N, C-alpha and C. Protein backbone atom coordinates (compact mmCIF):
# COMPACT_ATOMS: atom_id res chain seq x y z
N MET A 1 42.21 -72.89 -70.02
CA MET A 1 41.60 -72.90 -68.87
C MET A 1 41.28 -71.51 -68.62
N ARG A 2 42.02 -70.72 -68.75
CA ARG A 2 41.66 -69.25 -68.53
C ARG A 2 40.78 -68.59 -69.51
N LYS A 3 40.73 -69.20 -70.67
CA LYS A 3 39.84 -68.64 -71.76
C LYS A 3 38.25 -69.46 -71.30
N SER A 4 38.29 -70.61 -70.91
CA SER A 4 36.97 -71.17 -70.44
C SER A 4 36.37 -70.58 -69.21
N ILE A 5 37.17 -70.11 -68.43
CA ILE A 5 36.70 -69.45 -67.24
C ILE A 5 36.17 -68.11 -67.58
N PHE A 6 36.70 -67.45 -68.70
CA PHE A 6 36.37 -66.01 -69.09
C PHE A 6 35.02 -66.19 -69.79
N ILE A 7 34.96 -67.16 -70.51
CA ILE A 7 33.65 -67.33 -71.24
C ILE A 7 32.45 -67.78 -70.49
N ILE A 8 32.52 -68.54 -69.34
CA ILE A 8 31.75 -68.85 -68.34
C ILE A 8 31.32 -67.55 -67.64
N PHE A 9 32.13 -66.56 -67.26
CA PHE A 9 32.02 -65.42 -66.64
C PHE A 9 31.08 -64.54 -67.55
N LEU A 10 31.53 -64.47 -68.76
CA LEU A 10 30.83 -63.72 -69.87
C LEU A 10 29.30 -64.07 -70.03
N LEU A 11 29.26 -65.50 -70.05
CA LEU A 11 27.79 -66.09 -70.18
C LEU A 11 26.97 -65.52 -69.05
N MET A 12 27.69 -65.57 -67.72
CA MET A 12 26.91 -65.35 -66.48
C MET A 12 26.38 -64.04 -66.84
N LEU A 13 27.29 -62.97 -67.10
CA LEU A 13 27.03 -61.65 -67.22
C LEU A 13 25.93 -61.28 -68.26
N LEU A 14 25.84 -62.08 -69.40
CA LEU A 14 24.88 -61.84 -70.20
C LEU A 14 23.38 -62.45 -69.78
N ALA A 15 23.63 -63.67 -69.17
CA ALA A 15 22.43 -64.26 -68.35
C ALA A 15 21.59 -63.24 -67.40
N VAL A 16 22.48 -62.53 -66.65
CA VAL A 16 21.89 -61.66 -65.75
C VAL A 16 21.35 -60.54 -66.54
N GLY A 17 22.21 -60.01 -67.59
CA GLY A 17 21.64 -58.94 -68.47
C GLY A 17 20.19 -59.28 -69.04
N PHE A 18 20.08 -60.53 -69.57
CA PHE A 18 18.62 -61.10 -70.00
C PHE A 18 17.58 -60.80 -69.01
N VAL A 19 18.01 -61.32 -67.69
CA VAL A 19 17.14 -61.40 -66.66
C VAL A 19 16.55 -60.01 -66.54
N ALA A 20 17.61 -59.07 -66.32
CA ALA A 20 17.11 -57.56 -66.06
C ALA A 20 16.48 -57.11 -67.05
N ALA A 21 16.55 -57.47 -68.33
CA ALA A 21 15.86 -56.97 -69.51
C ALA A 21 14.46 -57.50 -69.61
N ASP A 22 14.13 -58.90 -69.10
CA ASP A 22 12.84 -59.28 -69.15
C ASP A 22 12.00 -59.20 -67.92
N CYS A 23 12.44 -58.59 -66.81
CA CYS A 23 11.83 -58.33 -65.74
C CYS A 23 11.29 -56.84 -65.40
N GLY A 24 10.02 -56.83 -65.50
CA GLY A 24 9.34 -55.61 -65.10
C GLY A 24 8.97 -55.46 -63.52
N VAL A 25 9.14 -54.30 -62.83
CA VAL A 25 9.01 -54.23 -61.66
C VAL A 25 7.83 -53.35 -61.25
N SER A 26 6.77 -53.74 -60.51
CA SER A 26 5.59 -52.94 -60.08
C SER A 26 5.44 -53.07 -58.73
N ILE A 27 4.56 -52.38 -58.03
CA ILE A 27 4.02 -52.32 -56.69
C ILE A 27 2.49 -52.31 -56.66
N THR A 28 2.17 -53.36 -55.94
CA THR A 28 0.59 -53.73 -55.72
C THR A 28 0.35 -53.55 -54.15
N PRO A 29 -0.87 -53.07 -54.02
CA PRO A 29 -1.84 -52.46 -55.06
C PRO A 29 -1.34 -51.10 -55.54
N SER A 30 -1.94 -50.95 -56.66
CA SER A 30 -1.29 -49.63 -57.40
C SER A 30 -1.89 -48.41 -56.91
N SER A 31 -2.67 -48.35 -56.17
CA SER A 31 -3.33 -47.17 -55.52
C SER A 31 -3.75 -47.46 -53.90
N PRO A 32 -2.64 -47.79 -53.05
CA PRO A 32 -2.76 -48.41 -51.65
C PRO A 32 -3.24 -47.24 -50.83
N GLY A 33 -4.02 -47.61 -49.84
CA GLY A 33 -4.33 -46.74 -48.73
C GLY A 33 -3.48 -46.97 -47.62
N ASP A 34 -3.61 -46.29 -46.49
CA ASP A 34 -2.83 -46.26 -45.42
C ASP A 34 -2.95 -47.51 -44.46
N ASN A 35 -4.08 -48.21 -44.89
CA ASN A 35 -3.95 -49.51 -44.39
C ASN A 35 -3.75 -50.70 -45.04
N ASP A 36 -2.95 -50.36 -46.16
CA ASP A 36 -2.53 -51.56 -47.21
C ASP A 36 -1.10 -51.91 -46.83
N ASP A 37 -0.73 -53.40 -46.94
CA ASP A 37 0.77 -53.61 -47.21
C ASP A 37 0.83 -53.51 -48.60
N ILE A 38 2.05 -53.13 -49.04
CA ILE A 38 2.68 -52.78 -50.31
C ILE A 38 3.56 -53.84 -50.62
N THR A 39 3.52 -54.63 -52.00
CA THR A 39 4.36 -55.46 -52.18
C THR A 39 4.93 -55.06 -53.80
N CYS A 40 6.46 -55.24 -53.63
CA CYS A 40 7.18 -55.04 -54.88
C CYS A 40 7.25 -56.33 -55.66
N ASP A 41 6.82 -56.30 -57.04
CA ASP A 41 6.61 -57.51 -57.66
C ASP A 41 7.56 -57.34 -58.96
N VAL A 42 8.30 -58.39 -59.16
CA VAL A 42 9.04 -58.72 -60.22
C VAL A 42 8.75 -59.64 -61.13
N GLY A 43 8.43 -59.12 -62.59
CA GLY A 43 7.69 -60.03 -63.43
C GLY A 43 8.43 -60.82 -64.19
N CYS A 44 9.32 -61.71 -63.62
CA CYS A 44 9.97 -62.96 -64.17
C CYS A 44 10.07 -63.99 -63.31
N SER A 45 10.51 -64.95 -64.03
CA SER A 45 10.62 -66.25 -63.19
C SER A 45 11.55 -66.42 -61.92
N THR A 46 12.65 -65.56 -61.85
CA THR A 46 13.60 -65.75 -60.85
C THR A 46 13.06 -65.45 -59.57
N ASP A 47 13.34 -66.19 -58.59
CA ASP A 47 12.39 -66.04 -57.41
C ASP A 47 13.13 -65.27 -55.99
N ARG A 48 14.22 -64.86 -56.27
CA ARG A 48 14.84 -64.32 -55.08
C ARG A 48 15.50 -62.83 -55.52
N PHE A 49 15.15 -61.79 -55.00
CA PHE A 49 15.78 -60.63 -55.31
C PHE A 49 16.20 -59.67 -54.09
N VAL A 50 16.86 -58.85 -54.14
CA VAL A 50 17.29 -57.94 -53.17
C VAL A 50 16.19 -56.67 -53.36
N TYR A 51 15.44 -56.42 -52.41
CA TYR A 51 14.44 -55.17 -52.37
C TYR A 51 14.81 -54.03 -51.50
N LYS A 52 15.07 -52.87 -52.01
CA LYS A 52 15.35 -51.66 -51.21
C LYS A 52 14.14 -50.66 -51.54
N TRP A 53 13.60 -50.29 -50.38
CA TRP A 53 12.57 -49.45 -50.18
C TRP A 53 12.91 -48.01 -49.81
N TYR A 54 12.24 -46.93 -50.53
CA TYR A 54 12.61 -45.56 -50.30
C TYR A 54 11.38 -44.74 -49.79
N GLN A 55 11.34 -44.11 -48.63
CA GLN A 55 10.44 -43.43 -48.30
C GLN A 55 10.67 -41.83 -48.46
N ASN A 56 9.79 -41.23 -49.68
CA ASN A 56 10.00 -39.74 -49.81
C ASN A 56 11.50 -39.52 -50.37
N ASN A 57 12.07 -40.49 -51.11
CA ASN A 57 13.37 -40.59 -51.64
C ASN A 57 14.29 -40.76 -50.87
N GLU A 58 14.23 -41.15 -49.47
CA GLU A 58 15.20 -41.43 -48.40
C GLU A 58 15.08 -42.95 -48.19
N TYR A 59 16.30 -43.50 -48.33
CA TYR A 59 16.41 -44.99 -48.42
C TYR A 59 16.13 -45.47 -46.88
N ASP A 60 15.32 -46.51 -46.84
CA ASP A 60 14.91 -46.94 -45.43
C ASP A 60 16.01 -48.25 -45.13
N GLY A 61 16.70 -48.11 -44.06
CA GLY A 61 17.70 -48.89 -43.62
C GLY A 61 17.50 -50.39 -43.35
N GLU A 62 16.07 -50.43 -42.86
CA GLU A 62 15.65 -51.87 -42.64
C GLU A 62 15.15 -52.68 -43.82
N SER A 63 15.21 -52.29 -44.94
CA SER A 63 14.87 -53.00 -46.15
C SER A 63 16.21 -53.66 -46.81
N GLY A 64 16.06 -54.28 -47.85
CA GLY A 64 17.35 -54.83 -48.41
C GLY A 64 17.49 -56.19 -48.03
N THR A 65 16.43 -56.84 -48.03
CA THR A 65 16.46 -58.40 -47.86
C THR A 65 16.01 -59.12 -48.93
N VAL A 66 16.56 -60.33 -49.12
CA VAL A 66 16.12 -61.22 -50.29
C VAL A 66 15.07 -62.11 -49.72
N VAL A 67 14.57 -61.88 -48.63
CA VAL A 67 13.40 -62.83 -48.33
C VAL A 67 11.92 -62.29 -48.67
N SER A 68 11.78 -60.99 -48.11
CA SER A 68 10.41 -60.58 -48.27
C SER A 68 10.39 -59.34 -49.16
N SER A 69 9.30 -59.32 -50.22
CA SER A 69 9.31 -57.88 -50.85
C SER A 69 8.03 -57.04 -50.31
N THR A 70 7.35 -57.42 -49.39
CA THR A 70 6.35 -56.98 -48.94
C THR A 70 6.61 -55.79 -47.68
N TRP A 71 6.26 -54.50 -47.81
CA TRP A 71 6.50 -53.45 -46.94
C TRP A 71 5.25 -53.14 -46.04
N PRO A 72 5.14 -53.39 -44.86
CA PRO A 72 3.95 -53.56 -43.91
C PRO A 72 3.22 -52.13 -43.89
N ALA A 73 2.01 -52.26 -43.72
CA ALA A 73 1.08 -51.16 -43.56
C ALA A 73 1.29 -50.04 -42.44
N TYR A 74 1.75 -50.87 -41.42
CA TYR A 74 2.00 -49.75 -40.20
C TYR A 74 3.33 -48.94 -40.38
N LYS A 75 3.94 -49.10 -41.44
CA LYS A 75 5.29 -48.27 -41.67
C LYS A 75 4.82 -47.16 -42.59
N THR A 76 3.51 -47.20 -43.30
CA THR A 76 3.39 -46.22 -44.16
C THR A 76 2.34 -45.22 -43.67
N ASN A 77 2.39 -44.04 -44.28
CA ASN A 77 1.32 -43.01 -43.84
C ASN A 77 0.95 -42.20 -44.94
N THR A 78 -0.45 -41.84 -44.81
CA THR A 78 -1.00 -40.96 -45.99
C THR A 78 -0.16 -39.83 -46.49
N GLY A 79 -0.01 -39.98 -47.86
CA GLY A 79 0.75 -38.77 -48.73
C GLY A 79 2.15 -39.28 -48.92
N ASP A 80 2.57 -40.29 -48.26
CA ASP A 80 4.08 -40.83 -48.52
C ASP A 80 4.11 -41.11 -50.09
N THR A 81 5.36 -41.08 -50.51
CA THR A 81 5.66 -41.71 -51.69
C THR A 81 6.75 -42.66 -51.44
N TRP A 82 6.47 -44.04 -51.72
CA TRP A 82 7.35 -45.21 -51.58
C TRP A 82 7.79 -45.70 -52.82
N ARG A 83 9.11 -46.07 -53.01
CA ARG A 83 9.66 -46.44 -54.11
C ARG A 83 10.53 -47.68 -53.83
N CYS A 84 10.24 -48.76 -54.73
CA CYS A 84 10.87 -50.03 -54.47
C CYS A 84 11.97 -50.22 -55.58
N LYS A 85 13.08 -50.46 -55.34
CA LYS A 85 14.15 -50.91 -56.20
C LYS A 85 14.40 -52.32 -56.27
N ALA A 86 14.71 -52.97 -57.21
CA ALA A 86 14.91 -54.48 -57.00
C ALA A 86 16.32 -54.79 -57.57
N TYR A 87 17.04 -55.76 -57.02
CA TYR A 87 18.33 -56.01 -57.60
C TYR A 87 18.27 -57.59 -57.47
N THR A 88 19.23 -58.27 -58.40
CA THR A 88 19.67 -59.68 -58.40
C THR A 88 20.38 -59.83 -56.91
N PRO A 89 20.40 -60.99 -56.44
CA PRO A 89 21.10 -61.29 -55.15
C PRO A 89 22.59 -60.84 -55.38
N GLY A 90 22.94 -60.34 -54.21
CA GLY A 90 24.59 -59.82 -54.27
C GLY A 90 25.00 -59.48 -52.97
N THR A 91 25.99 -58.77 -52.56
CA THR A 91 26.57 -58.48 -51.35
C THR A 91 25.59 -57.66 -50.52
N TYR A 92 25.12 -58.32 -49.52
CA TYR A 92 24.21 -57.53 -48.46
C TYR A 92 24.72 -56.26 -48.01
N PRO A 93 23.88 -55.09 -48.08
CA PRO A 93 22.52 -54.86 -48.27
C PRO A 93 22.34 -54.30 -49.80
N PHE A 94 23.38 -54.30 -50.63
CA PHE A 94 23.41 -53.56 -51.76
C PHE A 94 22.84 -54.38 -52.79
N GLY A 95 22.83 -55.76 -53.12
CA GLY A 95 22.44 -56.37 -53.90
C GLY A 95 23.33 -56.57 -55.17
N GLY A 96 22.84 -57.19 -56.26
CA GLY A 96 23.88 -57.26 -57.49
C GLY A 96 23.42 -56.45 -58.41
N TYR A 97 22.90 -56.89 -59.54
CA TYR A 97 22.58 -56.03 -60.64
C TYR A 97 21.21 -55.46 -60.53
N TYR A 98 21.30 -54.08 -60.95
CA TYR A 98 19.81 -53.47 -60.85
C TYR A 98 18.74 -54.04 -61.97
N ILE A 99 17.57 -54.43 -61.42
CA ILE A 99 16.47 -54.78 -62.04
C ILE A 99 15.45 -53.87 -62.67
N GLY A 100 15.18 -53.12 -61.72
CA GLY A 100 14.14 -51.90 -62.11
C GLY A 100 13.43 -51.39 -60.74
N GLU A 101 12.48 -50.54 -60.81
CA GLU A 101 11.96 -49.76 -59.88
C GLU A 101 10.65 -49.37 -59.94
N ALA A 102 9.90 -49.10 -59.04
CA ALA A 102 8.48 -48.65 -59.30
C ALA A 102 8.15 -47.78 -57.92
N SER A 103 7.12 -46.94 -58.06
CA SER A 103 6.73 -46.21 -56.93
C SER A 103 5.37 -45.89 -56.89
N VAL A 104 4.74 -45.67 -55.65
CA VAL A 104 3.44 -45.42 -55.48
C VAL A 104 3.24 -44.33 -54.24
N VAL A 105 2.03 -43.66 -54.45
CA VAL A 105 1.65 -42.69 -53.30
C VAL A 105 0.57 -43.20 -52.40
N ILE A 106 0.91 -43.23 -51.29
CA ILE A 106 -0.10 -43.70 -50.13
C ILE A 106 -1.31 -42.89 -50.13
N GLY A 107 -2.49 -43.30 -50.24
CA GLY A 107 -3.51 -42.29 -50.12
C GLY A 107 -4.51 -42.93 -49.02
N GLY A 108 -5.49 -42.19 -48.80
CA GLY A 108 -6.23 -42.43 -47.35
C GLY A 108 -7.52 -43.16 -47.77
N GLY A 109 -7.77 -43.52 -48.96
CA GLY A 109 -9.14 -43.92 -49.38
C GLY A 109 -9.42 -45.25 -48.61
N SER A 110 -8.64 -45.96 -48.46
CA SER A 110 -8.79 -47.50 -47.72
C SER A 110 -8.51 -47.43 -46.36
N GLN A 111 -8.43 -46.42 -45.74
CA GLN A 111 -8.22 -46.38 -44.30
C GLN A 111 -9.28 -47.10 -43.60
N ASN A 112 -8.94 -48.05 -42.66
CA ASN A 112 -10.00 -48.74 -41.87
C ASN A 112 -10.48 -48.02 -40.79
N HIS A 113 -11.91 -48.32 -40.30
CA HIS A 113 -12.35 -47.67 -39.12
C HIS A 113 -12.70 -48.85 -38.24
N ALA A 114 -12.45 -48.64 -37.15
CA ALA A 114 -12.59 -49.68 -35.96
C ALA A 114 -14.14 -49.78 -35.78
N PRO A 115 -14.60 -50.97 -35.45
CA PRO A 115 -16.06 -51.18 -35.21
C PRO A 115 -16.40 -50.55 -33.57
N VAL A 116 -17.55 -50.10 -33.55
CA VAL A 116 -17.73 -49.63 -32.14
C VAL A 116 -18.96 -50.43 -31.62
N LEU A 117 -18.48 -51.07 -30.45
CA LEU A 117 -19.51 -51.88 -29.76
C LEU A 117 -20.57 -51.03 -29.00
N ASN A 118 -21.70 -51.49 -29.28
CA ASN A 118 -22.94 -50.94 -28.56
C ASN A 118 -22.73 -51.12 -26.81
N TYR A 119 -23.28 -50.12 -26.15
CA TYR A 119 -22.99 -50.11 -24.82
C TYR A 119 -23.83 -51.33 -24.20
N VAL A 120 -23.04 -51.99 -23.22
CA VAL A 120 -23.78 -53.18 -22.67
C VAL A 120 -24.20 -52.61 -21.20
N GLY A 121 -23.08 -52.38 -20.28
CA GLY A 121 -23.43 -51.78 -18.98
C GLY A 121 -23.26 -53.08 -17.81
N ASN A 122 -23.28 -52.65 -16.63
CA ASN A 122 -23.09 -53.51 -15.65
C ASN A 122 -24.36 -54.32 -15.54
N LYS A 123 -24.52 -55.50 -15.00
CA LYS A 123 -25.70 -56.23 -14.67
C LYS A 123 -25.77 -56.75 -13.29
N ALA A 124 -27.11 -57.09 -12.93
CA ALA A 124 -27.27 -57.59 -11.55
C ALA A 124 -28.40 -58.82 -11.80
N TRP A 125 -28.08 -60.06 -11.50
CA TRP A 125 -28.63 -61.18 -11.83
C TRP A 125 -29.03 -62.00 -10.44
N CYS A 126 -29.99 -62.79 -10.48
CA CYS A 126 -30.30 -63.46 -9.33
C CYS A 126 -29.68 -64.78 -9.59
N ALA A 127 -29.39 -65.72 -8.51
CA ALA A 127 -28.74 -66.94 -8.57
C ALA A 127 -29.87 -67.91 -9.13
N ALA A 128 -29.53 -68.68 -9.88
CA ALA A 128 -30.57 -69.72 -10.46
C ALA A 128 -31.51 -69.32 -11.56
N GLU A 129 -31.27 -67.96 -11.87
CA GLU A 129 -31.88 -67.53 -12.90
C GLU A 129 -31.04 -67.40 -14.19
N ARG A 130 -31.41 -67.51 -15.43
CA ARG A 130 -30.50 -67.56 -16.51
C ARG A 130 -30.77 -65.94 -16.97
N GLY A 131 -29.45 -65.51 -17.36
CA GLY A 131 -29.31 -64.03 -17.96
C GLY A 131 -28.79 -64.09 -19.28
N ASN A 132 -29.17 -63.17 -20.11
CA ASN A 132 -28.76 -63.36 -21.49
C ASN A 132 -28.22 -61.77 -21.81
N ILE A 133 -27.35 -61.91 -22.69
CA ILE A 133 -26.69 -60.41 -23.24
C ILE A 133 -26.61 -60.59 -24.69
N TYR A 134 -27.17 -59.72 -25.56
CA TYR A 134 -26.91 -59.80 -26.91
C TYR A 134 -26.10 -58.48 -27.42
N LEU A 135 -25.03 -58.99 -28.14
CA LEU A 135 -24.05 -57.78 -28.48
C LEU A 135 -24.60 -57.29 -29.96
N SER A 136 -24.15 -56.02 -30.11
CA SER A 136 -24.21 -55.44 -31.50
C SER A 136 -23.14 -54.41 -31.60
N ALA A 137 -23.01 -54.19 -32.77
CA ALA A 137 -21.85 -52.95 -33.02
C ALA A 137 -22.38 -52.40 -34.26
N THR A 138 -21.61 -51.19 -34.43
CA THR A 138 -21.57 -50.47 -35.83
C THR A 138 -20.03 -50.42 -36.53
N ASP A 139 -20.34 -50.41 -37.70
CA ASP A 139 -18.92 -50.24 -38.32
C ASP A 139 -18.98 -49.43 -39.71
N ALA A 140 -18.27 -48.32 -39.73
CA ALA A 140 -18.26 -47.23 -40.91
C ALA A 140 -17.96 -47.78 -42.10
N ASP A 141 -17.21 -49.05 -42.09
CA ASP A 141 -16.87 -49.66 -43.46
C ASP A 141 -17.62 -50.93 -43.81
N SER A 142 -18.70 -51.08 -42.99
CA SER A 142 -19.57 -52.08 -43.33
C SER A 142 -18.92 -53.50 -43.25
N ASP A 143 -17.78 -53.52 -42.65
CA ASP A 143 -17.17 -54.96 -42.39
C ASP A 143 -17.89 -55.99 -41.79
N SER A 144 -17.61 -57.30 -42.11
CA SER A 144 -18.05 -58.60 -41.33
C SER A 144 -17.42 -58.37 -39.80
N LEU A 145 -18.19 -58.51 -39.20
CA LEU A 145 -17.78 -58.44 -37.50
C LEU A 145 -17.77 -59.55 -36.87
N THR A 146 -16.81 -60.00 -35.99
CA THR A 146 -16.78 -61.06 -35.24
C THR A 146 -16.84 -60.76 -33.69
N TYR A 147 -17.66 -61.31 -32.85
CA TYR A 147 -17.72 -60.98 -31.63
C TYR A 147 -17.26 -62.30 -30.58
N SER A 148 -16.65 -61.74 -29.36
CA SER A 148 -16.19 -62.89 -28.58
C SER A 148 -16.39 -62.43 -27.12
N ALA A 149 -16.29 -63.31 -26.08
CA ALA A 149 -16.13 -62.88 -24.72
C ALA A 149 -14.87 -63.59 -24.15
N PRO A 150 -13.68 -63.05 -24.45
CA PRO A 150 -12.57 -63.78 -23.92
C PRO A 150 -12.36 -63.91 -22.43
N ILE A 151 -13.18 -63.13 -21.58
CA ILE A 151 -13.12 -63.13 -20.21
C ILE A 151 -14.59 -63.48 -19.74
N LYS A 152 -14.95 -64.62 -19.25
CA LYS A 152 -16.25 -64.90 -18.65
C LYS A 152 -16.19 -65.78 -17.67
N PRO A 153 -17.24 -65.83 -16.75
CA PRO A 153 -17.51 -66.61 -15.81
C PRO A 153 -17.33 -68.16 -16.03
N THR A 154 -16.85 -68.95 -15.31
CA THR A 154 -17.16 -70.56 -15.47
C THR A 154 -18.49 -71.01 -15.73
N GLY A 155 -18.88 -71.79 -16.63
CA GLY A 155 -20.18 -72.32 -16.74
C GLY A 155 -21.09 -71.32 -17.61
N SER A 156 -20.62 -70.07 -17.98
CA SER A 156 -21.18 -69.30 -19.06
C SER A 156 -20.98 -69.66 -20.36
N SER A 157 -21.87 -69.20 -21.48
CA SER A 157 -21.50 -69.66 -22.94
C SER A 157 -21.68 -68.45 -23.46
N PHE A 158 -20.76 -68.21 -24.92
CA PHE A 158 -21.12 -67.30 -25.88
C PHE A 158 -21.07 -68.03 -27.15
N SER A 159 -22.03 -67.35 -28.06
CA SER A 159 -21.97 -68.01 -29.27
C SER A 159 -22.51 -66.83 -30.23
N GLY A 160 -22.00 -66.58 -31.31
CA GLY A 160 -22.26 -65.64 -32.13
C GLY A 160 -22.26 -64.34 -31.67
N THR A 161 -23.49 -63.73 -31.05
CA THR A 161 -23.53 -62.37 -30.44
C THR A 161 -24.06 -62.54 -29.12
N HIS A 162 -24.36 -63.76 -28.49
CA HIS A 162 -25.10 -64.26 -27.52
C HIS A 162 -24.29 -64.73 -26.45
N PHE A 163 -24.45 -63.97 -25.25
CA PHE A 163 -23.67 -64.33 -24.07
C PHE A 163 -25.07 -65.09 -23.09
N SER A 164 -24.77 -65.99 -22.30
CA SER A 164 -25.66 -66.66 -21.62
C SER A 164 -24.91 -67.22 -20.29
N TRP A 165 -25.71 -67.08 -19.21
CA TRP A 165 -25.18 -67.67 -18.06
C TRP A 165 -26.38 -67.86 -16.95
N THR A 166 -26.33 -69.20 -16.32
CA THR A 166 -27.28 -69.35 -15.23
C THR A 166 -26.33 -69.36 -13.96
N PRO A 167 -26.31 -68.37 -13.34
CA PRO A 167 -25.30 -68.61 -12.02
C PRO A 167 -25.92 -69.38 -10.95
N GLY A 168 -24.99 -70.07 -10.19
CA GLY A 168 -25.53 -70.87 -9.07
C GLY A 168 -25.46 -70.26 -7.55
N CYS A 169 -25.78 -71.00 -6.77
CA CYS A 169 -25.90 -70.26 -5.37
C CYS A 169 -24.28 -69.87 -5.10
N CYS A 170 -23.50 -70.71 -5.60
CA CYS A 170 -21.91 -70.60 -5.12
C CYS A 170 -21.51 -69.49 -6.03
N ASP A 171 -22.20 -68.96 -6.94
CA ASP A 171 -21.67 -67.92 -7.77
C ASP A 171 -22.00 -66.38 -7.13
N ILE A 172 -22.76 -66.29 -5.95
CA ILE A 172 -23.24 -64.96 -5.47
C ILE A 172 -21.96 -64.28 -5.28
N GLY A 173 -21.98 -62.93 -5.73
CA GLY A 173 -20.78 -61.96 -5.67
C GLY A 173 -20.81 -61.16 -6.96
N THR A 174 -19.52 -60.86 -7.33
CA THR A 174 -19.31 -60.10 -8.48
C THR A 174 -18.36 -60.81 -9.49
N HIS A 175 -18.61 -60.62 -10.73
CA HIS A 175 -17.79 -61.40 -11.88
C HIS A 175 -17.66 -60.48 -13.19
N THR A 176 -16.43 -60.60 -13.46
CA THR A 176 -16.00 -59.65 -14.68
C THR A 176 -16.32 -60.47 -15.94
N VAL A 177 -16.58 -59.78 -16.82
CA VAL A 177 -17.03 -60.37 -18.13
C VAL A 177 -16.30 -59.31 -19.24
N LYS A 178 -15.66 -59.90 -20.05
CA LYS A 178 -15.04 -58.83 -21.20
C LYS A 178 -15.79 -59.20 -22.60
N PHE A 179 -16.31 -58.28 -23.40
CA PHE A 179 -16.88 -58.47 -24.64
C PHE A 179 -15.86 -57.66 -25.64
N GLU A 180 -15.67 -58.46 -26.87
CA GLU A 180 -14.91 -57.78 -27.84
C GLU A 180 -15.67 -57.99 -29.24
N VAL A 181 -15.30 -57.05 -30.05
CA VAL A 181 -15.71 -57.06 -31.55
C VAL A 181 -14.71 -56.62 -32.37
N ARG A 182 -14.46 -57.37 -33.43
CA ARG A 182 -13.33 -57.12 -34.41
C ARG A 182 -13.85 -57.44 -35.83
N ASP A 183 -13.23 -56.48 -36.63
CA ASP A 183 -13.65 -56.48 -38.11
C ASP A 183 -12.63 -57.08 -38.86
N GLY A 184 -11.64 -57.93 -38.40
CA GLY A 184 -10.64 -58.74 -39.34
C GLY A 184 -9.58 -57.78 -40.10
N LYS A 185 -9.63 -56.64 -39.83
CA LYS A 185 -8.71 -55.87 -40.53
C LYS A 185 -7.76 -55.12 -39.40
N GLY A 186 -7.82 -55.44 -38.13
CA GLY A 186 -7.16 -54.74 -37.16
C GLY A 186 -7.71 -53.99 -36.20
N GLY A 187 -9.00 -53.65 -36.71
CA GLY A 187 -9.90 -52.81 -35.80
C GLY A 187 -10.73 -53.59 -34.86
N TYR A 188 -10.86 -52.98 -33.82
CA TYR A 188 -11.52 -53.82 -32.64
C TYR A 188 -12.11 -52.67 -31.58
N ASP A 189 -13.02 -53.23 -30.68
CA ASP A 189 -13.62 -52.59 -29.78
C ASP A 189 -13.93 -53.49 -28.66
N SER A 190 -13.96 -52.90 -27.27
CA SER A 190 -14.17 -53.92 -26.22
C SER A 190 -14.96 -53.12 -25.21
N GLU A 191 -15.46 -54.00 -24.19
CA GLU A 191 -16.14 -53.31 -23.07
C GLU A 191 -16.01 -54.52 -22.10
N THR A 192 -15.59 -54.05 -20.76
CA THR A 192 -15.54 -54.88 -19.78
C THR A 192 -16.46 -54.64 -18.60
N ILE A 193 -17.60 -55.52 -18.26
CA ILE A 193 -18.54 -55.28 -17.41
C ILE A 193 -18.51 -56.11 -16.02
N THR A 194 -19.36 -55.82 -15.05
CA THR A 194 -19.47 -56.54 -13.87
C THR A 194 -20.82 -57.18 -13.75
N ILE A 195 -20.92 -58.33 -13.46
CA ILE A 195 -22.18 -58.92 -13.15
C ILE A 195 -22.32 -59.25 -11.65
N THR A 196 -23.12 -58.77 -11.00
CA THR A 196 -23.51 -59.07 -9.62
C THR A 196 -24.47 -60.05 -9.52
N VAL A 197 -24.18 -61.17 -8.97
CA VAL A 197 -25.04 -62.22 -8.65
C VAL A 197 -25.70 -62.01 -7.13
N ASN A 198 -27.03 -61.89 -7.01
CA ASN A 198 -27.61 -61.94 -5.76
C ASN A 198 -28.40 -63.15 -5.55
N ASP A 199 -28.37 -63.55 -4.14
CA ASP A 199 -29.29 -64.69 -3.74
C ASP A 199 -30.72 -64.40 -3.85
């Protein structure tokens, strides 16, 4: 019985050794900017590992999870060296057997620039007359932009870059409208205006 247990234990050790030998570790993207998430990739079929991230050779205590191998962009800065060490599952947070490691330097090449919404300004419209506003913006990265009007008067409409409203007599007074533009990469700009409706 003891001999069988020993053989099973030995086979488990050998299996772990084979996994470690067959698994290469890399980080993608290989040349990240400070707006990129970085992911520690283990090149074998085993699907759960312990990942430990080191910033400039100092261990980051928030890592060491068997769930996610991705380190978010908001925790990286241009010039940082990040190293990922991968282990087989083991006692948290240390992991089991060492698989391998990889490192990258965060560059500034892919830094995102927020779009800039072109000035709209306050408006004064007459009741029962249709008013239109067409939005535009510039983006240093030439990103595809999405426009919206998250705050607008009841009865108004917004489509694409076009805001339209025909206020009625009951709308006489001031109304707040907020316009936004987003680049899909976390960058955005906004402007809040007042539309005054006169009789």
